[in-house]
Amino acid sequence: MELADILTKEQIVTALKATTRWEAIDELVGNLVDTGKIQPEHRDAIIAAVRKRENSMSTGIGFGVGIPHASTDLIPEVIGALGRSQTGVNFEAADNQPVKLVMLFLVPQGQFQKHLHTLANIAKLLHRSELRTALNNALDAESMLAIIKESTGRK
């Protein structure tokens, strides 16, 4: 799946309040609850799944990007939320730089190939310097989504 396929403007947080990766995960899962993508009663279990994955190795991939993710049987389809931090989040990233773009995504349990394919597509997209700059400079969630759609050939 492409990033443009799993995001709506409501699933983009343009001003993350988080200062740590744990707070960012909580905030983005909260967004998915607020937008109806996750049932409120599943919030804690989903946060636990993402934290378990994150504890094995930080998903701060460098270049100011973090991609926390997990598989769970509590969702029927791939979902995600994108957060942007003006000040940067301590993500214990590979390059020790603060993370300004956090893309959390979840994949239904047992869909390993889809999980890897989605992760690879998101990482490849966010690895592009000009795209990161455009997302960091975008005025609002609608503009950020338009940038993502344009970069993936979606309208």
Protein backbone atom coordinates (compact mmCIF):
# COMPACT_ATOMS: atom_id res chain seq x y z
CA MET A 1 0.00 0.00 0.00
CA GLU A 2 1.04 3.56 -0.66
CA LEU A 3 0.96 6.31 1.93
CA ALA A 4 -1.70 8.16 -0.08
CA ASP A 5 -3.97 5.09 0.20
CA ILE A 6 -4.05 5.04 4.00
CA LEU A 7 -4.20 8.72 4.93
CA THR A 8 -6.96 11.30 4.99
CA LYS A 9 -6.40 14.91 6.00
CA GLU A 10 -8.05 14.06 9.35
CA GLN A 11 -5.29 11.51 9.96
CA ILE A 12 -2.56 14.14 9.69
CA VAL A 13 -1.49 15.93 12.87
CA THR A 14 0.28 19.09 11.75
CA ALA A 15 1.56 20.08 15.20
CA LEU A 16 2.55 17.09 17.32
CA LYS A 17 2.83 17.99 20.99
CA ALA A 18 5.01 14.95 21.72
CA THR A 19 8.65 15.28 22.73
CA THR A 20 9.42 11.54 22.93
CA ARG A 21 8.67 8.64 20.61
CA TRP A 22 6.34 7.13 23.23
CA GLU A 23 4.29 10.35 23.40
CA ALA A 24 4.22 10.52 19.59
CA ILE A 25 2.90 6.96 19.37
CA ASP A 26 0.22 7.73 21.99
CA GLU A 27 -0.77 10.93 20.18
CA LEU A 28 -1.04 9.28 16.76
CA VAL A 29 -2.96 6.28 18.07
CA GLY A 30 -5.24 8.83 19.76
CA ASN A 31 -5.79 10.43 16.35
CA LEU A 32 -6.79 7.05 14.90
CA VAL A 33 -9.28 6.59 17.74
CA ASP A 34 -10.64 10.13 17.23
CA THR A 35 -11.07 9.55 13.48
CA GLY A 36 -12.87 6.24 14.03
CA LYS A 37 -10.13 4.05 12.58
CA ILE A 38 -9.52 2.30 15.92
CA GLN A 39 -12.16 1.34 18.46
CA PRO A 40 -11.58 3.24 21.74
CA GLU A 41 -11.47 -0.02 23.72
CA HIS A 42 -8.57 -1.23 21.52
CA ARG A 43 -6.40 1.85 22.10
CA ASP A 44 -4.24 0.42 24.91
CA ALA A 45 -3.68 -2.94 23.19
CA ILE A 46 -2.64 -1.23 19.96
CA ILE A 47 -0.29 1.14 21.79
CA ALA A 48 1.23 -1.90 23.53
CA ALA A 49 1.78 -3.64 20.16
CA VAL A 50 3.51 -0.59 18.67
CA ARG A 51 5.62 -0.09 21.81
CA LYS A 52 6.66 -3.75 21.77
CA ARG A 53 7.86 -3.38 18.17
CA GLU A 54 9.55 -0.06 18.97
CA ASN A 55 11.34 -1.56 22.00
CA SER A 56 13.00 -4.18 19.80
CA MET A 57 14.56 -1.41 17.68
CA SER A 58 13.75 2.25 17.15
CA THR A 59 11.92 2.99 13.93
CA GLY A 60 13.65 6.37 13.70
CA ILE A 61 15.21 5.72 10.29
CA GLY A 62 17.15 8.97 10.07
CA PHE A 63 16.65 12.16 8.08
CA GLY A 64 14.11 13.36 10.66
CA VAL A 65 11.73 10.45 10.00
CA GLY A 66 10.18 7.87 12.33
CA ILE A 67 7.93 5.04 11.14
CA PRO A 68 6.48 3.25 14.17
CA HIS A 69 4.38 0.28 13.09
CA ALA A 70 2.88 -3.00 14.23
CA SER A 71 0.60 -5.86 13.23
CA THR A 72 -2.60 -6.39 15.16
CA ASP A 73 -5.77 -8.45 14.83
CA LEU A 74 -7.77 -5.46 16.12
CA ILE A 75 -8.07 -3.74 12.71
CA PRO A 76 -9.57 -4.96 9.41
CA GLU A 77 -7.31 -2.98 7.04
CA VAL A 78 -4.04 -1.06 6.89
CA ILE A 79 -4.41 2.28 8.68
CA GLY A 80 -2.09 5.08 9.62
CA ALA A 81 -1.60 8.59 10.94
CA LEU A 82 1.09 11.12 10.09
CA GLY A 83 2.40 13.58 12.63
CA ARG A 84 4.61 16.60 12.10
CA SER A 85 6.68 18.18 14.85
CA GLN A 86 8.12 21.65 14.47
CA THR A 87 10.67 21.13 17.25
CA GLY A 88 11.45 17.47 16.69
CA VAL A 89 10.80 14.34 18.71
CA ASN A 90 13.51 12.32 20.46
CA PHE A 91 13.07 9.02 18.64
CA GLU A 92 16.48 7.50 19.38
CA ALA A 93 16.90 7.55 15.61
CA ALA A 94 19.75 5.86 13.77
CA ASP A 95 21.40 9.23 13.09
CA ASN A 96 20.62 10.65 16.58
CA GLN A 97 18.70 13.53 14.98
CA PRO A 98 15.26 14.65 16.17
CA VAL A 99 12.34 13.30 14.18
CA LYS A 100 10.02 15.84 12.58
CA LEU A 101 7.82 13.46 10.58
CA VAL A 102 6.29 10.46 12.36
CA MET A 103 4.29 8.02 10.22
CA LEU A 104 2.54 5.44 12.38
CA PHE A 105 0.87 2.58 10.54
CA LEU A 106 -0.85 -0.64 11.50
CA VAL A 107 -1.39 -3.77 9.43
CA PRO A 108 -3.85 -6.59 10.16
CA GLN A 109 -2.20 -9.61 11.83
CA GLY A 110 -0.91 -12.22 9.41
CA GLN A 111 -0.41 -9.89 6.44
CA PHE A 112 3.38 -10.00 6.55
CA GLN A 113 3.95 -9.23 2.86
CA LYS A 114 1.59 -6.26 2.97
CA HIS A 115 3.36 -5.06 6.13
CA LEU A 116 6.80 -5.18 4.49
CA HIS A 117 5.54 -3.66 1.24
CA THR A 118 3.83 -0.77 3.07
CA LEU A 119 6.89 -0.11 5.24
CA ALA A 120 9.18 -0.13 2.20
CA ASN A 121 6.91 2.27 0.26
CA ILE A 122 6.65 4.72 3.16
CA ALA A 123 10.41 4.62 3.86
CA LYS A 124 11.25 5.11 0.18
CA LEU A 125 8.85 8.05 -0.10
CA LEU A 126 10.00 9.79 3.09
CA HIS A 127 13.65 9.24 2.18
CA ARG A 128 13.24 11.90 -0.53
CA SER A 129 14.66 15.17 0.76
CA GLU A 130 12.43 17.42 -1.33
CA LEU A 131 9.30 15.63 -0.12
CA ARG A 132 10.31 15.95 3.54
CA THR A 133 11.01 19.64 3.05
CA ALA A 134 7.64 20.16 1.34
CA LEU A 135 5.80 18.31 4.12
CA ASN A 136 7.62 20.23 6.84
CA ASN A 137 6.79 23.54 5.13
CA ALA A 138 3.17 22.77 4.20
CA LEU A 139 0.57 25.12 5.67
CA ASP A 140 -1.99 22.54 6.75
CA ALA A 141 -3.05 18.88 6.66
CA GLU A 142 -4.85 19.32 3.34
CA SER A 143 -1.65 20.65 1.74
CA MET A 144 0.39 17.81 3.26
CA LEU A 145 -2.01 15.22 1.86
CA ALA A 146 -1.92 16.87 -1.58
CA ILE A 147 1.89 16.72 -1.54
CA ILE A 148 1.79 13.02 -0.65
CA LYS A 149 -0.80 12.24 -3.32
CA GLU A 150 1.14 14.13 -5.97
CA SER A 151 4.38 12.35 -5.05
CA THR A 152 2.72 8.94 -5.37
CA GLY A 153 0.86 9.74 -8.60
CA ARG A 154 -2.53 9.91 -6.88
CA LYS A 155 -4.98 12.76 -7.36
